[in-house]
Amino acid sequence: MKPVRSVPRLPPRPRDAHKGTFGTVVVIAGSDGMLGAAILCARAALRGGAGLVRAVLPPDLRSPFMVAVPGATTLPRRSGRDAVAALAGADAIVIGPGLGLSGTTKAIVHAVLRSADVPVVVDADALNVLVPLRPLPTRARVVLTPHPGEAARLLGTEPALVQIDRRGALQQLCMRSGHCVVLKGAGTLVGDGERLFTNTTGNPGMATGGSGDVLSGLLGALLAQGLVPFDAARLAVHVHGRAGDRVAARWSQTGLIAEDLPLAIAEELRP
């Protein structure tokens, strides 16, 4: 893959813009005991500039979610049919953070991939549905965001082997899926099968629960604003890392938590 070092920028916002100008992100996430993942993802999508965020949640989780993220709206999720109905009007989709491994997860993920015609970020529990990784049954442009453990499961290997040859693992993930991949970790890699971006921002303090959920929400927001997957992924990992560096400099790496990142992302996106 050809190395790419540049990072794209979002265009200036027009004076006559409205919330519809900046896209709608549908977040299909959260389950009993893992609502926090959906909250972090949705907050990051809003701080990343999405005009609207719609969370598709188990019915009993909608009320606590709305208290935590009052700027988002919600729809109920009981089945794949509910998830597909929620895609109407979406400009980007994020599926997976805290989705859980219930009996309906596989049906929901496959139904969304079959039905989507806008970019989809596939993260966390949604990645496990794709094991073993094959070409995805979708007409949408997809970004997969595995950490090394998830990448190993997708490829049928061990995390240590992924870490020994991260570029090789990324190439395999791109080739097997046919889509853009973000291989998370120290020096996050972004590839589309032809181009490779190596991120240089971020710090060990970001190795904390929920950090990846924030990244997926930010990536969804950038896709909803019109960036193509490789550009959106490069900008997302760069800004996510810089936000982590900002928080670590202000407080500490040790004390950094995922909840700190969305507001820092907003600061990093200052023109």
Protein backbone atom coordinates (compact mmCIF):
# COMPACT_ATOMS: atom_id res chain seq x y z
CA MET A 1 0.00 0.00 0.00
CA LYS A 2 1.26 3.48 -0.87
CA PRO A 3 2.03 5.59 2.23
CA VAL A 4 -0.07 8.74 2.69
CA ARG A 5 1.06 11.29 5.28
CA SER A 6 -1.38 14.17 4.87
CA VAL A 7 -4.50 14.70 6.98
CA PRO A 8 -7.63 16.20 5.33
CA ARG A 9 -9.64 19.04 6.80
CA LEU A 10 -13.34 19.70 7.04
CA PRO A 11 -14.46 22.56 4.79
CA PRO A 12 -15.56 25.86 6.38
CA ARG A 13 -19.19 25.95 7.46
CA PRO A 14 -21.45 28.15 5.31
CA ARG A 15 -23.16 31.04 7.05
CA ASP A 16 -26.61 29.84 6.02
CA ALA A 17 -26.09 26.27 7.30
CA HIS A 18 -28.71 24.40 9.32
CA LYS A 19 -28.59 21.07 11.16
CA GLY A 20 -29.52 19.18 8.02
CA THR A 21 -26.44 20.55 6.30
CA PHE A 22 -24.10 18.48 8.42
CA GLY A 23 -25.74 15.10 8.18
CA THR A 24 -27.58 12.58 10.32
CA VAL A 25 -25.67 9.80 12.08
CA VAL A 26 -27.63 6.71 13.10
CA VAL A 27 -25.96 4.96 16.03
CA ILE A 28 -27.02 1.32 16.50
CA ALA A 29 -25.41 0.52 19.81
CA GLY A 30 -25.88 -0.21 23.49
CA SER A 31 -27.35 -3.12 25.41
CA ASP A 32 -28.09 -4.01 29.01
CA GLY A 33 -24.95 -3.22 30.98
CA MET A 34 -23.27 -1.44 28.06
CA LEU A 35 -25.32 1.69 27.53
CA GLY A 36 -22.19 3.76 28.18
CA ALA A 37 -20.74 2.73 24.83
CA ALA A 38 -23.76 4.15 23.00
CA ILE A 39 -23.59 7.35 25.06
CA LEU A 40 -19.90 7.90 24.31
CA CYS A 41 -20.39 7.16 20.62
CA ALA A 42 -23.33 9.56 20.29
CA ARG A 43 -21.58 12.34 22.23
CA ALA A 44 -18.56 12.04 19.96
CA ALA A 45 -20.74 12.16 16.85
CA LEU A 46 -22.32 15.39 18.08
CA ARG A 47 -18.97 16.92 19.08
CA GLY A 48 -17.58 15.78 15.74
CA GLY A 49 -20.00 18.07 13.96
CA ALA A 50 -22.96 15.89 12.97
CA GLY A 51 -26.12 17.92 12.61
CA LEU A 52 -28.33 15.16 14.01
CA VAL A 53 -27.66 11.95 15.91
CA ARG A 54 -30.28 9.21 16.21
CA ALA A 55 -29.62 6.32 18.60
CA VAL A 56 -31.37 3.00 18.04
CA LEU A 57 -31.61 1.29 21.43
CA PRO A 58 -33.42 -1.42 23.39
CA PRO A 59 -36.66 0.26 24.52
CA ASP A 60 -35.85 0.27 28.24
CA LEU A 61 -32.55 2.09 27.63
CA ARG A 62 -33.99 5.04 25.71
CA SER A 63 -34.91 7.16 28.74
CA PRO A 64 -31.52 7.00 30.52
CA PHE A 65 -29.79 7.61 27.21
CA MET A 66 -31.81 10.76 26.54
CA VAL A 67 -30.83 12.15 29.94
CA ALA A 68 -27.15 11.53 29.16
CA VAL A 69 -27.27 12.81 25.56
CA PRO A 70 -30.13 15.32 25.33
CA GLY A 71 -29.00 16.54 21.91
CA ALA A 72 -29.73 13.15 20.32
CA THR A 73 -33.01 11.43 19.52
CA THR A 74 -33.83 7.75 19.93
CA LEU A 75 -35.77 4.94 18.30
CA PRO A 76 -36.55 1.49 19.74
CA ARG A 77 -34.55 -1.59 18.70
CA ARG A 78 -36.06 -5.02 19.11
CA SER A 79 -35.06 -6.68 15.85
CA GLY A 80 -33.25 -6.25 12.56
CA ARG A 81 -36.46 -4.86 11.11
CA ASP A 82 -36.43 -2.03 13.67
CA ALA A 83 -32.80 -1.26 12.90
CA VAL A 84 -33.43 -1.10 9.16
CA ALA A 85 -36.48 1.16 9.63
CA ALA A 86 -34.29 3.56 11.64
CA LEU A 87 -31.94 4.06 8.69
CA ALA A 88 -34.38 6.32 6.83
CA GLY A 89 -32.77 9.71 6.31
CA ALA A 90 -29.34 8.60 7.56
CA ASP A 91 -26.16 10.04 6.06
CA ALA A 92 -23.89 7.67 7.99
CA ILE A 93 -24.34 4.69 10.30
CA VAL A 94 -22.32 3.46 13.26
CA ILE A 95 -23.08 -0.06 14.42
CA GLY A 96 -21.54 -2.10 17.19
CA PRO A 97 -20.46 -0.15 20.31
CA GLY A 98 -21.89 -2.02 23.29
CA LEU A 99 -24.30 -3.86 21.00
CA GLY A 100 -23.83 -7.07 22.96
CA LEU A 101 -23.81 -10.67 21.82
CA SER A 102 -27.50 -11.49 22.16
CA GLY A 103 -29.30 -13.72 19.73
CA THR A 104 -30.51 -10.71 17.74
CA THR A 105 -27.11 -9.08 17.20
CA LYS A 106 -26.17 -11.15 14.15
CA ALA A 107 -29.54 -10.54 12.50
CA ILE A 108 -29.35 -6.80 13.18
CA VAL A 109 -25.83 -6.43 11.78
CA HIS A 110 -26.55 -8.39 8.62
CA ALA A 111 -29.87 -6.62 8.06
CA VAL A 112 -28.20 -3.21 8.35
CA LEU A 113 -25.35 -4.14 6.00
CA ARG A 114 -27.76 -5.52 3.41
CA SER A 115 -30.00 -2.45 3.57
CA ALA A 116 -27.54 0.43 3.99
CA ASP A 117 -26.79 2.72 1.08
CA VAL A 118 -24.76 5.28 3.08
CA PRO A 119 -21.35 4.81 4.75
CA VAL A 120 -21.26 2.39 7.69
CA VAL A 121 -18.76 2.22 10.55
CA VAL A 122 -18.60 -1.36 11.86
CA ASP A 123 -17.11 -1.51 15.35
CA ALA A 124 -16.88 -3.64 18.49
CA ASP A 125 -19.56 -6.33 18.83
CA ALA A 126 -20.66 -5.89 15.22
CA LEU A 127 -17.19 -7.00 14.10
CA ASN A 128 -17.58 -10.34 15.88
CA VAL A 129 -20.58 -11.12 13.66
CA LEU A 130 -18.28 -10.96 10.61
CA VAL A 131 -15.94 -13.77 11.78
CA PRO A 132 -14.46 -15.27 9.63
CA LEU A 133 -14.02 -12.15 7.52
CA ARG A 134 -15.22 -12.40 3.94
CA PRO A 135 -16.35 -9.81 1.34
CA LEU A 136 -19.19 -7.93 2.97
CA PRO A 137 -22.73 -8.34 1.62
CA THR A 138 -23.41 -4.64 1.20
CA ARG A 139 -23.53 -1.91 -1.41
CA ALA A 140 -22.51 0.67 1.19
CA ARG A 141 -19.01 2.00 1.75
CA VAL A 142 -17.80 0.49 5.02
CA VAL A 143 -15.08 1.27 7.54
CA LEU A 144 -14.08 -1.56 9.88
CA THR A 145 -12.45 -0.44 13.14
CA PRO A 146 -10.92 -3.47 14.91
CA HIS A 147 -8.43 -3.46 17.74
CA PRO A 148 -5.73 -6.18 17.53
CA GLY A 149 -7.86 -8.78 19.32
CA GLU A 150 -10.81 -8.21 17.00
CA ALA A 151 -8.50 -8.19 13.98
CA ALA A 152 -7.09 -11.54 15.05
CA ARG A 153 -10.56 -13.06 15.31
CA LEU A 154 -11.51 -11.70 11.90
CA LEU A 155 -8.37 -13.21 10.34
CA GLY A 156 -8.37 -16.46 12.31
CA THR A 157 -5.03 -15.80 13.97
CA GLU A 158 -3.59 -14.57 17.29
CA PRO A 159 -3.36 -10.96 18.54
CA ALA A 160 0.39 -11.32 19.01
CA LEU A 161 0.80 -12.19 15.33
CA VAL A 162 -1.29 -9.18 14.32
CA GLN A 163 0.98 -6.96 16.41
CA ILE A 164 4.15 -8.46 14.91
CA ASP A 165 3.03 -7.48 11.39
CA ARG A 166 0.40 -4.80 11.73
CA ARG A 167 0.74 -3.64 8.12
CA GLY A 168 0.36 -7.16 6.83
CA ALA A 169 -2.70 -7.69 8.99
CA LEU A 170 -4.20 -4.44 7.75
CA GLN A 171 -3.62 -5.48 4.15
CA GLN A 172 -5.35 -8.81 4.75
CA LEU A 173 -8.31 -7.10 6.43
CA CYS A 174 -8.71 -4.72 3.50
CA MET A 175 -8.40 -7.48 0.92
CA ARG A 176 -10.79 -9.89 2.64
CA SER A 177 -13.46 -7.28 3.34
CA GLY A 178 -13.05 -5.14 0.23
CA HIS A 179 -13.34 -2.00 2.37
CA CYS A 180 -11.45 0.61 4.38
CA VAL A 181 -10.00 -0.57 7.71
CA VAL A 182 -8.77 1.23 10.83
CA LEU A 183 -6.44 -1.07 12.80
CA LYS A 184 -6.40 0.55 16.22
CA GLY A 185 -3.53 0.62 18.70
CA ALA A 186 -0.30 2.54 19.20
CA GLY A 187 0.33 4.01 15.75
CA THR A 188 -3.17 3.33 14.44
CA LEU A 189 -3.13 2.31 10.78
CA VAL A 190 -5.72 3.25 8.15
CA GLY A 191 -5.84 1.47 4.83
CA ASP A 192 -8.09 0.95 1.84
CA GLY A 193 -6.08 -1.74 0.07
CA GLU A 194 -4.12 0.76 -2.00
CA ARG A 195 -3.14 3.51 0.47
CA LEU A 196 -1.76 3.43 4.00
CA PHE A 197 -1.87 6.13 6.69
CA THR A 198 0.03 5.76 9.96
CA ASN A 199 -1.26 7.94 12.77
CA THR A 200 1.27 9.69 14.99
CA THR A 201 -1.03 11.33 17.55
CA GLY A 202 -2.30 9.88 20.81
CA ASN A 203 -0.74 8.47 23.97
CA PRO A 204 -0.95 5.44 26.31
CA GLY A 205 -3.56 7.19 28.46
CA MET A 206 -6.06 6.49 25.70
CA ALA A 207 -5.84 2.76 26.44
CA THR A 208 -9.01 2.99 28.49
CA GLY A 209 -12.53 1.65 28.17
CA GLY A 210 -14.73 3.65 25.80
CA SER A 211 -11.99 5.35 23.81
CA GLY A 212 -12.83 3.27 20.75
CA ASP A 213 -16.52 4.10 21.07
CA VAL A 214 -15.60 7.78 20.90
CA LEU A 215 -13.54 7.18 17.76
CA SER A 216 -16.39 5.38 16.01
CA GLY A 217 -18.80 8.23 16.77
CA LEU A 218 -16.35 10.84 15.49
CA LEU A 219 -15.78 8.80 12.34
CA GLY A 220 -19.51 8.55 11.76
CA ALA A 221 -19.84 12.33 12.07
CA LEU A 222 -17.10 12.96 9.50
CA LEU A 223 -18.67 10.51 7.06
CA ALA A 224 -22.06 12.18 7.54
CA GLN A 225 -20.46 15.52 6.65
CA GLY A 226 -19.41 14.15 3.28
CA LEU A 227 -15.84 12.90 3.67
CA VAL A 228 -15.07 9.67 1.82
CA PRO A 229 -14.08 6.72 4.04
CA PHE A 230 -10.29 6.89 3.71
CA ASP A 231 -10.28 10.65 4.31
CA ALA A 232 -12.76 10.45 7.18
CA ALA A 233 -10.80 7.66 8.84
CA ARG A 234 -7.48 9.54 8.56
CA LEU A 235 -8.95 12.69 10.02
CA ALA A 236 -10.82 10.80 12.75
CA VAL A 237 -7.80 8.93 14.11
CA HIS A 238 -5.64 12.07 13.93
CA VAL A 239 -8.15 14.28 15.76
CA HIS A 240 -9.00 11.53 18.26
CA GLY A 241 -5.32 11.18 19.10
CA ARG A 242 -4.78 14.93 19.37
CA ALA A 243 -7.78 15.15 21.69
CA GLY A 244 -6.18 12.51 23.88
CA ASP A 245 -2.90 14.43 23.85
CA ARG A 246 -4.74 17.61 24.83
CA VAL A 247 -6.41 15.89 27.79
CA ALA A 248 -3.18 14.22 28.91
CA ALA A 249 -1.33 17.55 28.83
CA ARG A 250 -4.10 19.24 30.80
CA TRP A 251 -4.54 16.50 33.41
CA SER A 252 -2.42 13.36 32.95
CA GLN A 253 -2.18 10.19 30.89
CA THR A 254 -2.99 8.15 33.96
CA GLY A 255 -6.18 10.04 34.73
CA LEU A 256 -7.47 10.28 31.15
CA ILE A 257 -10.89 8.68 30.64
CA ALA A 258 -13.05 8.31 27.56
CA GLU A 259 -15.60 10.85 28.79
CA ASP A 260 -12.87 13.52 28.49
CA LEU A 261 -12.44 13.03 24.77
CA PRO A 262 -15.60 14.38 23.05
CA LEU A 263 -15.18 17.92 24.35
CA ALA A 264 -11.47 17.84 23.53
CA ILE A 265 -12.41 16.71 20.01
CA ALA A 266 -14.56 19.82 19.69
CA GLU A 267 -11.54 21.93 20.64
CA GLU A 268 -9.35 20.15 18.10
CA LEU A 269 -11.86 20.80 15.32
CA ARG A 270 -11.58 24.56 15.86
CA PRO A 271 -10.78 26.15 12.45
